[in-house]
């Protein structure tokens, strides 16, 4: 398995012959408004796509969406909708998002609305995992979406957390399944009011300590409401003695994830190309 970090939450998974883009935000730098009103009103995304993006996009075979409504352009923007519609790439999503995406002319393959029942996916299995995209009043106004847990023979088990804070439900899920690789949102995003709506430094460190596998942090340094920097997170990982397992890729970086079976566990080695 290879994981390409494009920008923010947008990644590409290489799984066998398939290339799966997750939560595509493909618009140009500054194409969308600020996600804050009273401070740091920089337009989004704050950085361009990496130079490798255009070539990589030509190889995409599938798209996976965690959530996309209520203004979440950072997980599916206008440019991505246009691109997906033109290419007619199969878009895997929840039934809740399926109706929204079908109306936009996309080639939708909806998963059943059952968190407990794995479904066929690329010769393996996929299941949804509940997200909590913020707490309190702000949380009640957010589009919560889902994460995904992917199991494919010969590949490391993969947990895509989606946009979520660290909840007891997620703690129980990772304790039970112990994913070999987890991709978590680490930007500490917050709006003008309320607390963080995705994991920040402390929750990413706690999550990393809770799993034996590798953790990949993304959703960093691309949106104006995400204050956590890669350097800040890396320093925290060093202090917590989890830096060897917490990977913080730059935009455009590729991670090779190898698995070696040892007894009943997967040991993985992810390193930049």
C-alpha atoms as a PDB file:
ATOM      1  CA  UNK A   1       0.000   0.000   0.000  1.00  0.00           C
ATOM      2  CA  UNK A   2       1.122   3.527  -0.798  1.00  0.00           C
ATOM      3  CA  UNK A   3      -0.515   6.634   0.614  1.00  0.00           C
ATOM      4  CA  UNK A   4      -0.075   9.953  -1.181  1.00  0.00           C
ATOM      5  CA  UNK A   5      -0.682  13.084   0.885  1.00  0.00           C
ATOM      6  CA  UNK A   6      -2.069  15.726  -1.474  1.00  0.00           C
ATOM      7  CA  UNK A   7      -3.456  18.544   0.655  1.00  0.00           C
ATOM      8  CA  UNK A   8      -5.432  18.829   3.901  1.00  0.00           C
ATOM      9  CA  UNK A   9      -7.705  15.759   4.110  1.00  0.00           C
ATOM     10  CA  UNK A  10      -7.201  14.800   0.457  1.00  0.00           C
ATOM     11  CA  UNK A  11      -5.123  11.657   0.056  1.00  0.00           C
ATOM     12  CA  UNK A  12      -4.747   8.931  -2.564  1.00  0.00           C
ATOM     13  CA  UNK A  13      -4.566   5.254  -1.600  1.00  0.00           C
ATOM     14  CA  UNK A  14      -2.723   2.827  -3.874  1.00  0.00           C
ATOM     15  CA  UNK A  15      -4.227  -0.585  -3.163  1.00  0.00           C
ATOM     16  CA  UNK A  16      -3.180  -3.167  -5.731  1.00  0.00           C
ATOM     17  CA  UNK A  17      -4.213  -1.860  -9.153  1.00  0.00           C
ATOM     18  CA  UNK A  18      -6.668   0.641  -7.670  1.00  0.00           C
ATOM     19  CA  UNK A  19      -6.101   4.306  -6.895  1.00  0.00           C
ATOM     20  CA  UNK A  20      -8.637   5.716  -4.445  1.00  0.00           C
ATOM     21  CA  UNK A  21      -8.862   9.444  -3.842  1.00  0.00           C
ATOM     22  CA  UNK A  22     -10.313  10.356  -0.447  1.00  0.00           C
ATOM     23  CA  UNK A  23     -12.188  13.625   0.135  1.00  0.00           C
ATOM     24  CA  UNK A  24     -10.937  15.525  -2.920  1.00  0.00           C
ATOM     25  CA  UNK A  25     -10.440  19.288  -2.610  1.00  0.00           C
ATOM     26  CA  UNK A  26      -8.992  20.208  -5.999  1.00  0.00           C
ATOM     27  CA  UNK A  27      -9.617  23.956  -6.242  1.00  0.00           C
ATOM     28  CA  UNK A  28      -6.875  26.525  -6.654  1.00  0.00           C
ATOM     29  CA  UNK A  29      -5.251  28.274  -3.707  1.00  0.00           C
ATOM     30  CA  UNK A  30      -7.591  30.968  -2.364  1.00  0.00           C
ATOM     31  CA  UNK A  31     -10.621  29.765  -4.356  1.00  0.00           C
ATOM     32  CA  UNK A  32     -12.896  29.603  -1.291  1.00  0.00           C
ATOM     33  CA  UNK A  33     -13.739  31.959   1.561  1.00  0.00           C
ATOM     34  CA  UNK A  34     -12.282  32.065   5.036  1.00  0.00           C
ATOM     35  CA  UNK A  35     -13.714  29.649   7.598  1.00  0.00           C
ATOM     36  CA  UNK A  36     -13.355  32.334  10.252  1.00  0.00           C
ATOM     37  CA  UNK A  37     -15.111  35.686  10.406  1.00  0.00           C
ATOM     38  CA  UNK A  38     -13.430  37.617  13.218  1.00  0.00           C
ATOM     39  CA  UNK A  39      -9.777  36.541  12.890  1.00  0.00           C
ATOM     40  CA  UNK A  40      -7.327  35.228  10.286  1.00  0.00           C
ATOM     41  CA  UNK A  41      -9.611  35.802   7.315  1.00  0.00           C
ATOM     42  CA  UNK A  42      -7.221  34.219   4.832  1.00  0.00           C
ATOM     43  CA  UNK A  43      -8.994  32.561   1.911  1.00  0.00           C
ATOM     44  CA  UNK A  44      -8.899  28.781   1.447  1.00  0.00           C
ATOM     45  CA  UNK A  45      -7.136  26.588   0.635  1.00  0.00           C
ATOM     46  CA  UNK A  46      -4.133  28.484   1.890  1.00  0.00           C
ATOM     47  CA  UNK A  47      -1.677  26.438  -0.215  1.00  0.00           C
ATOM     48  CA  UNK A  48      -1.757  25.054  -3.768  1.00  0.00           C
ATOM     49  CA  UNK A  49      -1.925  21.395  -4.711  1.00  0.00           C
ATOM     50  CA  UNK A  50       1.510  19.768  -5.019  1.00  0.00           C
ATOM     51  CA  UNK A  51       3.119  19.632  -8.449  1.00  0.00           C
ATOM     52  CA  UNK A  52       2.556  15.861  -8.629  1.00  0.00           C
ATOM     53  CA  UNK A  53      -1.242  16.133  -8.340  1.00  0.00           C
ATOM     54  CA  UNK A  54      -2.186  16.358 -12.028  1.00  0.00           C
ATOM     55  CA  UNK A  55      -0.331  13.193 -13.012  1.00  0.00           C
ATOM     56  CA  UNK A  56      -1.658  11.322  -9.984  1.00  0.00           C
ATOM     57  CA  UNK A  57      -5.251  12.335 -10.727  1.00  0.00           C
ATOM     58  CA  UNK A  58      -5.025  10.673 -14.145  1.00  0.00           C
ATOM     59  CA  UNK A  59      -4.655   7.287 -12.429  1.00  0.00           C
ATOM     60  CA  UNK A  60      -7.656   7.509 -10.062  1.00  0.00           C
ATOM     61  CA  UNK A  61     -10.100   4.591 -10.239  1.00  0.00           C
ATOM     62  CA  UNK A  62     -12.356   5.287  -7.222  1.00  0.00           C
ATOM     63  CA  UNK A  63     -13.338   8.086  -4.855  1.00  0.00           C
ATOM     64  CA  UNK A  64     -14.233   7.783  -1.174  1.00  0.00           C
ATOM     65  CA  UNK A  65     -16.178  10.555   0.596  1.00  0.00           C
ATOM     66  CA  UNK A  66     -16.432  10.867   4.392  1.00  0.00           C
ATOM     67  CA  UNK A  67     -18.792  13.889   4.336  1.00  0.00           C
ATOM     68  CA  UNK A  68     -19.497  16.743   1.954  1.00  0.00           C
ATOM     69  CA  UNK A  69     -22.587  18.756   2.908  1.00  0.00           C
ATOM     70  CA  UNK A  70     -23.155  21.952   4.940  1.00  0.00           C
ATOM     71  CA  UNK A  71     -20.318  23.789   3.243  1.00  0.00           C
ATOM     72  CA  UNK A  72     -17.557  21.213   3.743  1.00  0.00           C
ATOM     73  CA  UNK A  73     -15.717  22.167   0.565  1.00  0.00           C
ATOM     74  CA  UNK A  74     -12.483  20.883   2.097  1.00  0.00           C
ATOM     75  CA  UNK A  75     -13.792  17.335   1.557  1.00  0.00           C
ATOM     76  CA  UNK A  76     -15.492  17.830  -1.801  1.00  0.00           C
ATOM     77  CA  UNK A  77     -15.273  21.160  -3.589  1.00  0.00           C
ATOM     78  CA  UNK A  78     -16.673  22.516  -6.849  1.00  0.00           C
ATOM     79  CA  UNK A  79     -13.539  21.607  -8.777  1.00  0.00           C
ATOM     80  CA  UNK A  80     -13.681  18.020  -7.532  1.00  0.00           C
ATOM     81  CA  UNK A  81     -17.399  17.676  -8.347  1.00  0.00           C
ATOM     82  CA  UNK A  82     -16.743  18.870 -11.904  1.00  0.00           C
ATOM     83  CA  UNK A  83     -13.781  16.502 -12.279  1.00  0.00           C
ATOM     84  CA  UNK A  84     -15.654  13.488 -10.866  1.00  0.00           C
ATOM     85  CA  UNK A  85     -18.670  14.196 -13.067  1.00  0.00           C
ATOM     86  CA  UNK A  86     -16.530  14.440 -16.215  1.00  0.00           C
ATOM     87  CA  UNK A  87     -14.546  11.285 -15.408  1.00  0.00           C
ATOM     88  CA  UNK A  88     -17.568   9.367 -14.023  1.00  0.00           C
ATOM     89  CA  UNK A  89     -15.313   7.846 -11.381  1.00  0.00           C
ATOM     90  CA  UNK A  90     -17.260   5.629  -8.932  1.00  0.00           C
ATOM     91  CA  UNK A  91     -17.885   7.584  -5.732  1.00  0.00           C
ATOM     92  CA  UNK A  92     -18.324   5.510  -2.556  1.00  0.00           C
ATOM     93  CA  UNK A  93     -20.234   7.280   0.198  1.00  0.00           C
ATOM     94  CA  UNK A  94     -23.012   6.974   2.777  1.00  0.00           C
ATOM     95  CA  UNK A  95     -26.706   6.888   1.818  1.00  0.00           C
ATOM     96  CA  UNK A  96     -27.039  10.338   3.385  1.00  0.00           C
ATOM     97  CA  UNK A  97     -24.519  11.814   0.942  1.00  0.00           C
ATOM     98  CA  UNK A  98     -25.598   9.640  -1.999  1.00  0.00           C
ATOM     99  CA  UNK A  99     -28.762  11.642  -2.724  1.00  0.00           C
ATOM    100  CA  UNK A 100     -26.811  14.905  -2.585  1.00  0.00           C
ATOM    101  CA  UNK A 101     -24.129  13.601  -4.979  1.00  0.00           C
ATOM    102  CA  UNK A 102     -26.521  11.937  -7.437  1.00  0.00           C
ATOM    103  CA  UNK A 103     -28.239  15.301  -7.900  1.00  0.00           C
ATOM    104  CA  UNK A 104     -24.850  16.671  -9.007  1.00  0.00           C
ATOM    105  CA  UNK A 105     -24.476  14.034 -11.692  1.00  0.00           C
ATOM    106  CA  UNK A 106     -21.854  11.865  -9.996  1.00  0.00           C
ATOM    107  CA  UNK A 107     -21.455   8.113 -10.424  1.00  0.00           C
ATOM    108  CA  UNK A 108     -22.460   7.117  -6.903  1.00  0.00           C
ATOM    109  CA  UNK A 109     -22.001   3.719  -5.223  1.00  0.00           C
ATOM    110  CA  UNK A 110     -23.718   4.059  -1.867  1.00  0.00           C
ATOM    111  CA  UNK A 111     -22.815   1.882   1.117  1.00  0.00           C
ATOM    112  CA  UNK A 112     -25.645   0.479   3.282  1.00  0.00           C
ATOM    113  CA  UNK A 113     -26.366   2.569   6.355  1.00  0.00           C
ATOM    114  CA  UNK A 114     -25.067  -0.010   8.848  1.00  0.00           C
ATOM    115  CA  UNK A 115     -21.956   0.687  10.929  1.00  0.00           C
ATOM    116  CA  UNK A 116     -21.713  -2.935  12.067  1.00  0.00           C
ATOM    117  CA  UNK A 117     -21.869  -4.732   8.724  1.00  0.00           C
ATOM    118  CA  UNK A 118     -18.734  -4.758   6.508  1.00  0.00           C
ATOM    119  CA  UNK A 119     -19.386  -4.370   2.779  1.00  0.00           C
ATOM    120  CA  UNK A 120     -17.374  -5.590  -0.251  1.00  0.00           C
ATOM    121  CA  UNK A 121     -14.661  -3.142  -1.334  1.00  0.00           C
ATOM    122  CA  UNK A 122     -11.795  -3.671  -3.827  1.00  0.00           C
ATOM    123  CA  UNK A 123     -11.746  -7.401  -3.133  1.00  0.00           C
ATOM    124  CA  UNK A 124     -11.859  -6.862   0.632  1.00  0.00           C
ATOM    125  CA  UNK A 125     -14.202  -5.234   3.122  1.00  0.00           C
ATOM    126  CA  UNK A 126     -15.103  -1.734   4.237  1.00  0.00           C
ATOM    127  CA  UNK A 127     -17.229  -0.479   7.106  1.00  0.00           C
ATOM    128  CA  UNK A 128     -18.175   2.963   8.343  1.00  0.00           C
ATOM    129  CA  UNK A 129     -17.138   4.333  11.735  1.00  0.00           C
ATOM    130  CA  UNK A 130     -19.093   7.100  13.450  1.00  0.00           C
ATOM    131  CA  UNK A 131     -17.517  10.571  13.506  1.00  0.00           C
ATOM    132  CA  UNK A 132     -18.130  13.363  16.004  1.00  0.00           C
ATOM    133  CA  UNK A 133     -17.205  16.568  14.203  1.00  0.00           C
ATOM    134  CA  UNK A 134     -17.164  18.821  17.263  1.00  0.00           C
ATOM    135  CA  UNK A 135     -18.870  18.975  20.627  1.00  0.00           C
ATOM    136  CA  UNK A 136     -21.496  21.188  22.243  1.00  0.00           C
ATOM    137  CA  UNK A 137     -23.440  23.798  20.266  1.00  0.00           C
ATOM    138  CA  UNK A 138     -20.937  23.883  17.411  1.00  0.00           C
ATOM    139  CA  UNK A 139     -21.036  20.095  17.185  1.00  0.00           C
ATOM    140  CA  UNK A 140     -24.823  20.144  16.852  1.00  0.00           C
ATOM    141  CA  UNK A 141     -24.505  22.416  13.823  1.00  0.00           C
ATOM    142  CA  UNK A 142     -21.824  20.386  12.025  1.00  0.00           C
ATOM    143  CA  UNK A 143     -22.088  17.700   9.345  1.00  0.00           C
ATOM    144  CA  UNK A 144     -20.628  14.710  11.172  1.00  0.00           C
ATOM    145  CA  UNK A 145     -20.082  12.165   8.406  1.00  0.00           C
ATOM    146  CA  UNK A 146     -18.190   8.903   8.892  1.00  0.00           C
ATOM    147  CA  UNK A 147     -14.760   7.351   8.968  1.00  0.00           C
ATOM    148  CA  UNK A 148     -13.912   4.083   7.204  1.00  0.00           C
ATOM    149  CA  UNK A 149     -12.184   0.865   8.244  1.00  0.00           C
ATOM    150  CA  UNK A 150     -10.764  -1.063   5.284  1.00  0.00           C
ATOM    151  CA  UNK A 151      -9.629  -4.704   5.385  1.00  0.00           C
ATOM    152  CA  UNK A 152      -8.034  -6.207   2.253  1.00  0.00           C
ATOM    153  CA  UNK A 153      -6.102  -9.484   2.181  1.00  0.00           C
ATOM    154  CA  UNK A 154      -2.382  -8.859   1.817  1.00  0.00           C
ATOM    155  CA  UNK A 155      -2.671  -5.191   2.814  1.00  0.00           C
ATOM    156  CA  UNK A 156      -2.455  -3.509   6.230  1.00  0.00           C
ATOM    157  CA  UNK A 157      -5.778  -2.809   7.859  1.00  0.00           C
ATOM    158  CA  UNK A 158      -6.533   0.881   7.386  1.00  0.00           C
ATOM    159  CA  UNK A 159      -8.637   3.248   9.476  1.00  0.00           C
ATOM    160  CA  UNK A 160      -9.545   6.580   7.888  1.00  0.00           C
ATOM    161  CA  UNK A 161     -10.863   8.560  10.831  1.00  0.00           C
ATOM    162  CA  UNK A 162     -12.614  11.306   8.854  1.00  0.00           C
ATOM    163  CA  UNK A 163     -13.332  14.631  10.540  1.00  0.00           C
ATOM    164  CA  UNK A 164     -13.743  13.813  14.207  1.00  0.00           C
ATOM    165  CA  UNK A 165     -12.604  14.572  17.692  1.00  0.00           C
ATOM    166  CA  UNK A 166     -11.380  11.674  19.817  1.00  0.00           C
ATOM    167  CA  UNK A 167     -14.405  10.042  21.429  1.00  0.00           C
ATOM    168  CA  UNK A 168     -14.963   7.036  23.667  1.00  0.00           C
ATOM    169  CA  UNK A 169     -16.561   5.285  20.689  1.00  0.00           C
ATOM    170  CA  UNK A 170     -13.371   5.702  18.644  1.00  0.00           C
ATOM    171  CA  UNK A 171     -11.251   4.607  21.600  1.00  0.00           C
ATOM    172  CA  UNK A 172     -13.298   1.402  21.852  1.00  0.00           C
ATOM    173  CA  UNK A 173     -13.149   0.839  18.098  1.00  0.00           C
ATOM    174  CA  UNK A 174      -9.360   1.088  17.822  1.00  0.00           C
ATOM    175  CA  UNK A 175      -8.864  -0.975  20.983  1.00  0.00           C
ATOM    176  CA  UNK A 176     -10.934  -3.753  19.404  1.00  0.00           C
ATOM    177  CA  UNK A 177      -9.575  -3.622  15.839  1.00  0.00           C
ATOM    178  CA  UNK A 178      -6.048  -2.229  16.356  1.00  0.00           C
ATOM    179  CA  UNK A 179      -5.658  -0.926  12.778  1.00  0.00           C
ATOM    180  CA  UNK A 180      -2.204  -1.333  11.279  1.00  0.00           C
ATOM    181  CA  UNK A 181      -2.443   2.160   9.787  1.00  0.00           C
ATOM    182  CA  UNK A 182      -4.669   5.041  10.854  1.00  0.00           C
ATOM    183  CA  UNK A 183      -5.101   8.388   9.100  1.00  0.00           C
ATOM    184  CA  UNK A 184      -6.342  11.034  11.525  1.00  0.00           C
ATOM    185  CA  UNK A 185      -7.198  14.740  11.225  1.00  0.00           C
ATOM    186  CA  UNK A 186      -4.645  16.665  13.273  1.00  0.00           C
ATOM    187  CA  UNK A 187      -5.171  20.343  12.501  1.00  0.00           C
ATOM    188  CA  UNK A 188      -7.103  21.278  15.646  1.00  0.00           C
ATOM    189  CA  UNK A 189      -9.663  23.108  13.502  1.00  0.00           C
ATOM    190  CA  UNK A 190     -11.867  25.561  15.341  1.00  0.00           C
ATOM    191  CA  UNK A 191     -14.337  28.229  14.312  1.00  0.00           C
ATOM    192  CA  UNK A 192     -14.773  31.658  15.898  1.00  0.00           C
ATOM    193  CA  UNK A 193     -16.708  30.113  18.782  1.00  0.00           C
ATOM    194  CA  UNK A 194     -16.546  26.765  20.522  1.00  0.00           C
ATOM    195  CA  UNK A 195     -13.831  24.161  20.925  1.00  0.00           C
ATOM    196  CA  UNK A 196     -11.927  22.084  18.380  1.00  0.00           C
ATOM    197  CA  UNK A 197     -14.011  20.283  15.753  1.00  0.00           C
ATOM    198  CA  UNK A 198     -11.298  17.760  14.826  1.00  0.00           C
ATOM    199  CA  UNK A 199      -8.389  16.289  16.752  1.00  0.00           C
ATOM    200  CA  UNK A 200      -5.598  18.592  17.805  1.00  0.00           C
ATOM    201  CA  UNK A 201      -2.158  17.889  19.214  1.00  0.00           C
ATOM    202  CA  UNK A 202      -3.207  16.306  22.520  1.00  0.00           C
ATOM    203  CA  UNK A 203      -5.837  14.015  21.011  1.00  0.00           C
ATOM    204  CA  UNK A 204      -3.547  12.876  18.186  1.00  0.00           C
ATOM    205  CA  UNK A 205      -0.867  11.973  20.725  1.00  0.00           C
ATOM    206  CA  UNK A 206      -3.427  10.095  22.840  1.00  0.00           C
ATOM    207  CA  UNK A 207      -4.715   8.268  19.757  1.00  0.00           C
ATOM    208  CA  UNK A 208      -1.173   7.288  18.743  1.00  0.00           C
ATOM    209  CA  UNK A 209      -0.465   5.898  22.193  1.00  0.00           C
ATOM    210  CA  UNK A 210      -3.631   3.790  21.985  1.00  0.00           C
ATOM    211  CA  UNK A 211      -2.610   1.825  18.873  1.00  0.00           C
ATOM    212  CA  UNK A 212       0.361  -0.389  18.079  1.00  0.00           C
ATOM    213  CA  UNK A 213       0.339   0.538  14.383  1.00  0.00           C
ATOM    214  CA  UNK A 214       1.358   3.601  12.417  1.00  0.00           C
ATOM    215  CA  UNK A 215      -0.615   6.832  12.579  1.00  0.00           C
ATOM    216  CA  UNK A 216      -0.601   9.342   9.726  1.00  0.00           C
ATOM    217  CA  UNK A 217      -1.552  12.920  10.572  1.00  0.00           C
ATOM    218  CA  UNK A 218      -3.140  15.110   7.921  1.00  0.00           C
ATOM    219  CA  UNK A 219      -5.525  18.074   7.683  1.00  0.00           C
ATOM    220  CA  UNK A 220      -2.525  20.326   8.406  1.00  0.00           C
ATOM    221  CA  UNK A 221      -1.377  23.726   7.116  1.00  0.00           C
ATOM    222  CA  UNK A 222      -3.935  24.094   4.312  1.00  0.00           C
ATOM    223  CA  UNK A 223      -7.038  25.711   5.861  1.00  0.00           C
ATOM    224  CA  UNK A 224      -7.213  28.941   7.803  1.00  0.00           C
ATOM    225  CA  UNK A 225      -9.144  27.462  10.738  1.00  0.00           C
ATOM    226  CA  UNK A 226      -6.528  24.724  11.381  1.00  0.00           C
ATOM    227  CA  UNK A 227      -3.842  26.293  13.626  1.00  0.00           C
ATOM    228  CA  UNK A 228      -1.697  23.195  14.320  1.00  0.00           C
ATOM    229  CA  UNK A 229       1.565  23.134  12.366  1.00  0.00           C
ATOM    230  CA  UNK A 230       3.555  20.087  11.333  1.00  0.00           C
ATOM    231  CA  UNK A 231       6.493  21.322  13.390  1.00  0.00           C
ATOM    232  CA  UNK A 232       4.349  21.723  16.516  1.00  0.00           C
ATOM    233  CA  UNK A 233       2.916  18.219  16.160  1.00  0.00           C
ATOM    234  CA  UNK A 234       6.336  16.695  15.468  1.00  0.00           C
ATOM    235  CA  UNK A 235       7.789  18.317  18.598  1.00  0.00           C
ATOM    236  CA  UNK A 236       4.886  17.011  20.682  1.00  0.00           C
ATOM    237  CA  UNK A 237       5.406  13.513  19.258  1.00  0.00           C
ATOM    238  CA  UNK A 238       9.084  13.638  20.233  1.00  0.00           C
ATOM    239  CA  UNK A 239       8.211  14.667  23.795  1.00  0.00           C
ATOM    240  CA  UNK A 240       5.619  11.890  24.022  1.00  0.00           C
ATOM    241  CA  UNK A 241       8.075   9.336  22.563  1.00  0.00           C
ATOM    242  CA  UNK A 242       5.740   8.350  19.734  1.00  0.00           C
ATOM    243  CA  UNK A 243       7.580  10.070  16.870  1.00  0.00           C
ATOM    244  CA  UNK A 244       8.617   6.767  15.276  1.00  0.00           C
ATOM    245  CA  UNK A 245       4.981   5.760  14.818  1.00  0.00           C
ATOM    246  CA  UNK A 246       3.379   9.159  14.102  1.00  0.00           C
ATOM    247  CA  UNK A 247       4.036  10.100  10.479  1.00  0.00           C
ATOM    248  CA  UNK A 248       3.452  13.721   9.433  1.00  0.00           C
ATOM    249  CA  UNK A 249       3.791  13.852   5.650  1.00  0.00           C
ATOM    250  CA  UNK A 250       4.237  17.044   3.684  1.00  0.00           C
ATOM    251  CA  UNK A 251       1.916  17.788   0.777  1.00  0.00           C
ATOM    252  CA  UNK A 252       3.085  15.750  -2.192  1.00  0.00           C
ATOM    253  CA  UNK A 253       4.830  13.167  -0.028  1.00  0.00           C
ATOM    254  CA  UNK A 254       4.275   9.434  -0.540  1.00  0.00           C
ATOM    255  CA  UNK A 255       4.338   6.837   2.220  1.00  0.00           C
ATOM    256  CA  UNK A 256       5.166   3.206   1.471  1.00  0.00           C
ATOM    257  CA  UNK A 257       3.370   0.947   3.941  1.00  0.00           C
ATOM    258  CA  UNK A 258       4.777  -2.571   4.114  1.00  0.00           C
ATOM    259  CA  UNK A 259       3.336  -5.361   6.216  1.00  0.00           C
ATOM    260  CA  UNK A 260       5.054  -8.401   7.619  1.00  0.00           C
ATOM    261  CA  UNK A 261       2.923 -10.935   9.412  1.00  0.00           C
ATOM    262  CA  UNK A 262       4.253 -11.932  12.827  1.00  0.00           C
ATOM    263  CA  UNK A 263       1.985 -14.380  14.623  1.00  0.00           C
ATOM    264  CA  UNK A 264      -1.473 -12.821  14.537  1.00  0.00           C
ATOM    265  CA  UNK A 265      -0.251  -9.207  14.279  1.00  0.00           C
ATOM    266  CA  UNK A 266       0.780  -6.955  11.463  1.00  0.00           C
ATOM    267  CA  UNK A 267       4.022  -5.048  11.782  1.00  0.00           C
ATOM    268  CA  UNK A 268       4.225  -2.141   9.385  1.00  0.00           C
ATOM    269  CA  UNK A 269       6.988   0.046   8.115  1.00  0.00           C
ATOM    270  CA  UNK A 270       5.919   3.330   6.563  1.00  0.00           C
ATOM    271  CA  UNK A 271       8.542   5.645   5.204  1.00  0.00           C
ATOM    272  CA  UNK A 272       8.652   8.546   2.751  1.00  0.00           C
ATOM    273  CA  UNK A 273       9.659   7.749  -0.826  1.00  0.00           C
END
